[in-house]
Amino acid sequence: EIHAEVQLKNYGKFLEEYTSQLKRIEDALDDSVGDVWDFNLDPIALKLLPYEQSSVLELIKTENKVLNKVITVYAALCCEIKKLKYEAEMKFYNGLLFYGEG
């Protein structure tokens, strides 16, 4: 019981020190980040997205043939759903939103 209390106190001290250390790091980063980037002064940003050169079929390769077929079907369905969602947003949403409006 005494050992547990000592460990609990040590853990409390550790948490207090760690919290204060994180706060100091956060304060230091806030100052430096504000100096480097200001949205009003620098409105241009780079958005880097990874480009995958592999096809879905190349990524789905396991030793289990049945699992390959199941995953391939689900991947094709996901791609089809994504295309249908885009088509619905572009072609049909505005017509449905304004249906009956004069």
N, C-alpha and C. Protein backbone atom coordinates (compact mmCIF):
# COMPACT_ATOMS: atom_id res chain seq x y z
N GLU A 1 0.83 -1.20 0.00
CA GLU A 1 0.00 0.00 0.00
C GLU A 1 0.87 1.26 0.00
N ILE A 2 1.93 1.25 0.81
CA ILE A 2 2.85 2.39 0.85
C ILE A 2 3.59 2.51 -0.49
N HIS A 3 3.96 1.38 -1.03
CA HIS A 3 4.65 1.37 -2.32
C HIS A 3 3.75 1.95 -3.41
N ALA A 4 2.49 1.63 -3.38
CA ALA A 4 1.55 2.15 -4.38
C ALA A 4 1.40 3.66 -4.24
N GLU A 5 1.37 4.16 -3.01
CA GLU A 5 1.27 5.61 -2.79
C GLU A 5 2.51 6.34 -3.32
N VAL A 6 3.68 5.75 -3.09
CA VAL A 6 4.93 6.34 -3.57
C VAL A 6 4.92 6.38 -5.10
N GLN A 7 4.51 5.29 -5.72
CA GLN A 7 4.45 5.25 -7.18
C GLN A 7 3.44 6.27 -7.72
N LEU A 8 2.32 6.42 -7.04
CA LEU A 8 1.31 7.38 -7.46
C LEU A 8 1.84 8.81 -7.36
N LYS A 9 2.58 9.11 -6.30
CA LYS A 9 3.17 10.45 -6.16
C LYS A 9 4.22 10.67 -7.25
N ASN A 10 5.04 9.66 -7.51
CA ASN A 10 6.03 9.79 -8.57
C ASN A 10 5.37 10.01 -9.92
N TYR A 11 4.30 9.31 -10.17
CA TYR A 11 3.58 9.47 -11.42
C TYR A 11 2.97 10.87 -11.52
N GLY A 12 2.45 11.38 -10.41
CA GLY A 12 1.90 12.74 -10.39
C GLY A 12 2.97 13.78 -10.70
N LYS A 13 4.15 13.62 -10.11
CA LYS A 13 5.26 14.54 -10.39
C LYS A 13 5.66 14.47 -11.86
N PHE A 14 5.74 13.25 -12.38
CA PHE A 14 6.10 13.07 -13.79
C PHE A 14 5.09 13.79 -14.69
N LEU A 15 3.81 13.61 -14.41
CA LEU A 15 2.78 14.25 -15.22
C LEU A 15 2.86 15.78 -15.15
N GLU A 16 3.13 16.32 -13.97
CA GLU A 16 3.25 17.77 -13.84
C GLU A 16 4.45 18.29 -14.64
N GLU A 17 5.58 17.60 -14.54
CA GLU A 17 6.77 18.02 -15.28
C GLU A 17 6.54 17.89 -16.79
N TYR A 18 5.93 16.80 -17.20
CA TYR A 18 5.67 16.57 -18.61
C TYR A 18 4.70 17.61 -19.16
N THR A 19 3.67 17.95 -18.38
CA THR A 19 2.70 18.96 -18.80
C THR A 19 3.37 20.31 -18.96
N SER A 20 4.21 20.68 -18.02
CA SER A 20 4.89 21.97 -18.12
C SER A 20 5.86 21.99 -19.29
N GLN A 21 6.53 20.87 -19.55
CA GLN A 21 7.44 20.78 -20.69
C GLN A 21 6.67 20.92 -22.00
N LEU A 22 5.53 20.25 -22.12
CA LEU A 22 4.71 20.37 -23.33
C LEU A 22 4.20 21.79 -23.50
N LYS A 23 3.83 22.45 -22.41
CA LYS A 23 3.35 23.83 -22.49
C LYS A 23 4.46 24.75 -23.00
N ARG A 24 5.70 24.55 -22.51
CA ARG A 24 6.81 25.37 -22.98
C ARG A 24 7.06 25.14 -24.47
N ILE A 25 7.00 23.89 -24.90
CA ILE A 25 7.19 23.59 -26.33
C ILE A 25 6.08 24.24 -27.15
N GLU A 26 4.85 24.13 -26.69
CA GLU A 26 3.72 24.73 -27.41
C GLU A 26 3.87 26.24 -27.52
N ASP A 27 4.26 26.87 -26.42
CA ASP A 27 4.46 28.33 -26.45
C ASP A 27 5.58 28.71 -27.42
N ALA A 28 6.66 27.94 -27.42
CA ALA A 28 7.78 28.24 -28.32
C ALA A 28 7.36 28.05 -29.77
N LEU A 29 6.59 27.02 -30.06
CA LEU A 29 6.14 26.78 -31.43
C LEU A 29 5.13 27.82 -31.88
N ASP A 30 4.26 28.27 -30.99
CA ASP A 30 3.28 29.28 -31.36
C ASP A 30 3.96 30.55 -31.85
N ASP A 31 5.00 30.96 -31.16
CA ASP A 31 5.71 32.17 -31.56
C ASP A 31 6.39 31.99 -32.91
N SER A 32 7.06 30.86 -33.11
CA SER A 32 7.81 30.67 -34.34
C SER A 32 6.90 30.44 -35.53
N VAL A 33 5.80 29.73 -35.35
CA VAL A 33 4.90 29.47 -36.46
C VAL A 33 4.23 30.76 -36.90
N GLY A 34 3.87 31.62 -35.96
CA GLY A 34 3.23 32.88 -36.30
C GLY A 34 4.15 33.78 -37.11
N ASP A 35 5.44 33.70 -36.86
CA ASP A 35 6.39 34.54 -37.59
C ASP A 35 6.56 34.05 -39.04
N VAL A 36 6.45 32.75 -39.24
CA VAL A 36 6.72 32.20 -40.56
C VAL A 36 5.48 32.29 -41.46
N TRP A 37 4.30 32.00 -40.94
CA TRP A 37 3.12 31.91 -41.79
C TRP A 37 2.03 32.83 -41.29
N ASP A 38 1.60 33.71 -42.14
CA ASP A 38 0.46 34.57 -41.86
C ASP A 38 -0.47 34.48 -43.06
N PHE A 39 -1.68 33.98 -42.85
CA PHE A 39 -2.59 33.75 -43.96
C PHE A 39 -2.91 35.03 -44.72
N ASN A 40 -3.01 36.13 -44.03
CA ASN A 40 -3.34 37.39 -44.70
C ASN A 40 -2.19 37.89 -45.58
N LEU A 41 -0.96 37.65 -45.15
CA LEU A 41 0.18 38.09 -45.93
C LEU A 41 0.60 37.08 -46.99
N ASP A 42 0.42 35.79 -46.69
CA ASP A 42 0.83 34.73 -47.60
C ASP A 42 -0.36 33.82 -47.89
N PRO A 43 -1.25 34.21 -48.80
CA PRO A 43 -2.46 33.40 -49.01
C PRO A 43 -2.24 32.15 -49.84
N ILE A 44 -1.05 31.94 -50.36
CA ILE A 44 -0.80 30.77 -51.20
C ILE A 44 -0.16 29.68 -50.35
N ALA A 45 -0.66 28.46 -50.52
CA ALA A 45 -0.12 27.33 -49.78
C ALA A 45 0.06 26.17 -50.73
N LEU A 46 0.93 25.26 -50.39
CA LEU A 46 1.12 24.04 -51.17
C LEU A 46 0.33 22.92 -50.53
N LYS A 47 -0.40 22.20 -51.33
CA LYS A 47 -1.13 21.05 -50.84
C LYS A 47 -0.55 19.83 -51.54
N LEU A 48 0.22 19.07 -50.83
CA LEU A 48 0.91 17.93 -51.40
C LEU A 48 0.12 16.66 -51.12
N LEU A 49 -0.33 16.01 -52.17
CA LEU A 49 -1.05 14.75 -52.04
C LEU A 49 -0.21 13.64 -52.67
N PRO A 50 -0.19 12.49 -52.03
CA PRO A 50 0.58 11.39 -52.63
C PRO A 50 -0.09 10.90 -53.91
N TYR A 51 0.71 10.52 -54.86
CA TYR A 51 0.20 10.00 -56.12
C TYR A 51 0.53 8.52 -56.18
N GLU A 52 -0.49 7.71 -56.24
CA GLU A 52 -0.30 6.27 -56.28
C GLU A 52 -0.22 5.82 -57.73
N GLN A 53 0.86 5.18 -58.10
CA GLN A 53 1.04 4.73 -59.47
C GLN A 53 0.60 3.29 -59.67
N SER A 54 0.21 2.64 -58.60
CA SER A 54 -0.22 1.25 -58.69
C SER A 54 -1.73 1.21 -58.88
N SER A 55 -2.17 0.22 -59.62
CA SER A 55 -3.62 0.04 -59.76
C SER A 55 -4.14 -0.72 -58.55
N VAL A 56 -5.45 -0.72 -58.42
CA VAL A 56 -6.06 -1.42 -57.29
C VAL A 56 -5.77 -2.92 -57.38
N LEU A 57 -5.80 -3.45 -58.58
CA LEU A 57 -5.55 -4.89 -58.74
C LEU A 57 -4.13 -5.27 -58.36
N GLU A 58 -3.18 -4.36 -58.57
CA GLU A 58 -1.80 -4.66 -58.16
C GLU A 58 -1.65 -4.63 -56.64
N LEU A 59 -2.46 -3.79 -55.99
CA LEU A 59 -2.37 -3.71 -54.53
C LEU A 59 -3.04 -4.89 -53.85
N ILE A 60 -3.99 -5.52 -54.55
CA ILE A 60 -4.72 -6.66 -53.97
C ILE A 60 -4.06 -7.94 -54.44
N LYS A 61 -3.07 -8.36 -53.74
CA LYS A 61 -2.39 -9.61 -54.07
C LYS A 61 -2.09 -10.36 -52.78
N THR A 62 -2.89 -11.36 -52.53
CA THR A 62 -2.63 -12.24 -51.40
C THR A 62 -2.53 -13.66 -51.95
N GLU A 63 -2.18 -14.56 -51.10
CA GLU A 63 -2.08 -15.95 -51.53
C GLU A 63 -3.43 -16.62 -51.58
N ASN A 64 -4.43 -16.03 -50.94
CA ASN A 64 -5.77 -16.59 -50.92
C ASN A 64 -6.55 -16.06 -52.11
N LYS A 65 -6.87 -16.93 -53.07
CA LYS A 65 -7.54 -16.53 -54.31
C LYS A 65 -8.96 -16.03 -54.05
N VAL A 66 -9.66 -16.66 -53.12
CA VAL A 66 -11.03 -16.25 -52.82
C VAL A 66 -11.02 -14.86 -52.18
N LEU A 67 -10.10 -14.62 -51.27
CA LEU A 67 -9.99 -13.30 -50.64
C LEU A 67 -9.66 -12.24 -51.68
N ASN A 68 -8.80 -12.57 -52.64
CA ASN A 68 -8.47 -11.63 -53.71
C ASN A 68 -9.72 -11.22 -54.47
N LYS A 69 -10.57 -12.18 -54.80
CA LYS A 69 -11.78 -11.89 -55.56
C LYS A 69 -12.75 -11.04 -54.75
N VAL A 70 -12.89 -11.34 -53.47
CA VAL A 70 -13.81 -10.58 -52.62
C VAL A 70 -13.32 -9.14 -52.47
N ILE A 71 -12.04 -8.95 -52.22
CA ILE A 71 -11.49 -7.61 -52.06
C ILE A 71 -11.58 -6.84 -53.37
N THR A 72 -11.35 -7.53 -54.48
CA THR A 72 -11.46 -6.87 -55.79
C THR A 72 -12.88 -6.38 -56.03
N VAL A 73 -13.86 -7.19 -55.69
CA VAL A 73 -15.26 -6.78 -55.86
C VAL A 73 -15.56 -5.57 -54.99
N TYR A 74 -15.15 -5.60 -53.73
CA TYR A 74 -15.40 -4.45 -52.85
C TYR A 74 -14.68 -3.19 -53.33
N ALA A 75 -13.48 -3.34 -53.84
CA ALA A 75 -12.75 -2.18 -54.36
C ALA A 75 -13.45 -1.61 -55.58
N ALA A 76 -13.93 -2.47 -56.47
CA ALA A 76 -14.65 -2.00 -57.65
C ALA A 76 -15.95 -1.30 -57.23
N LEU A 77 -16.65 -1.85 -56.24
CA LEU A 77 -17.87 -1.21 -55.76
C LEU A 77 -17.59 0.16 -55.16
N CYS A 78 -16.51 0.28 -54.42
CA CYS A 78 -16.14 1.57 -53.83
C CYS A 78 -15.85 2.60 -54.92
N CYS A 79 -15.13 2.19 -55.95
CA CYS A 79 -14.83 3.10 -57.06
C CYS A 79 -16.11 3.51 -57.77
N GLU A 80 -17.01 2.57 -57.98
CA GLU A 80 -18.28 2.88 -58.64
C GLU A 80 -19.13 3.82 -57.80
N ILE A 81 -19.16 3.61 -56.50
CA ILE A 81 -19.92 4.49 -55.60
C ILE A 81 -19.35 5.90 -55.64
N LYS A 82 -18.03 6.00 -55.66
CA LYS A 82 -17.40 7.32 -55.71
C LYS A 82 -17.77 8.05 -57.00
N LYS A 83 -17.76 7.33 -58.14
CA LYS A 83 -18.14 7.94 -59.41
C LYS A 83 -19.61 8.33 -59.43
N LEU A 84 -20.48 7.47 -58.90
CA LEU A 84 -21.91 7.78 -58.87
C LEU A 84 -22.21 8.96 -57.96
N LYS A 85 -21.49 9.06 -56.86
CA LYS A 85 -21.69 10.20 -55.96
C LYS A 85 -21.31 11.50 -56.66
N TYR A 86 -20.19 11.48 -57.36
CA TYR A 86 -19.76 12.67 -58.09
C TYR A 86 -20.79 13.04 -59.16
N GLU A 87 -21.27 12.04 -59.90
CA GLU A 87 -22.25 12.29 -60.95
C GLU A 87 -23.55 12.85 -60.36
N ALA A 88 -23.98 12.32 -59.23
CA ALA A 88 -25.20 12.81 -58.59
C ALA A 88 -25.03 14.25 -58.14
N GLU A 89 -23.87 14.56 -57.57
CA GLU A 89 -23.63 15.93 -57.11
C GLU A 89 -23.61 16.91 -58.28
N MET A 90 -23.02 16.52 -59.40
CA MET A 90 -22.88 17.43 -60.53
C MET A 90 -24.17 17.55 -61.34
N LYS A 91 -24.90 16.45 -61.53
CA LYS A 91 -26.04 16.47 -62.44
C LYS A 91 -27.39 16.66 -61.74
N PHE A 92 -27.58 16.05 -60.58
CA PHE A 92 -28.93 15.95 -60.03
C PHE A 92 -29.20 16.77 -58.78
N TYR A 93 -28.20 17.11 -57.98
CA TYR A 93 -28.45 17.80 -56.73
C TYR A 93 -29.13 19.15 -56.93
N ASN A 94 -28.63 19.94 -57.86
CA ASN A 94 -29.22 21.26 -58.06
C ASN A 94 -30.67 21.15 -58.53
N GLY A 95 -30.95 20.23 -59.43
CA GLY A 95 -32.33 20.03 -59.89
C GLY A 95 -33.24 19.59 -58.77
N LEU A 96 -32.76 18.72 -57.90
CA LEU A 96 -33.58 18.27 -56.78
C LEU A 96 -33.76 19.37 -55.74
N LEU A 97 -32.73 20.17 -55.54
CA LEU A 97 -32.82 21.25 -54.55
C LEU A 97 -33.84 22.31 -54.97
N PHE A 98 -33.88 22.61 -56.25
CA PHE A 98 -34.76 23.67 -56.73
C PHE A 98 -36.04 23.16 -57.38
N TYR A 99 -36.35 21.90 -57.19
CA TYR A 99 -37.56 21.33 -57.78
C TYR A 99 -38.78 22.03 -57.20
N GLY A 100 -39.64 22.53 -58.07
CA GLY A 100 -40.87 23.17 -57.63
C GLY A 100 -40.72 24.64 -57.31
N GLU A 101 -39.48 25.16 -57.33
CA GLU A 101 -39.27 26.57 -57.06
C GLU A 101 -39.53 27.35 -58.34
N GLY A 102 -40.29 28.43 -58.27
CA GLY A 102 -40.61 29.20 -59.46
C GLY A 102 -39.70 30.35 -59.58
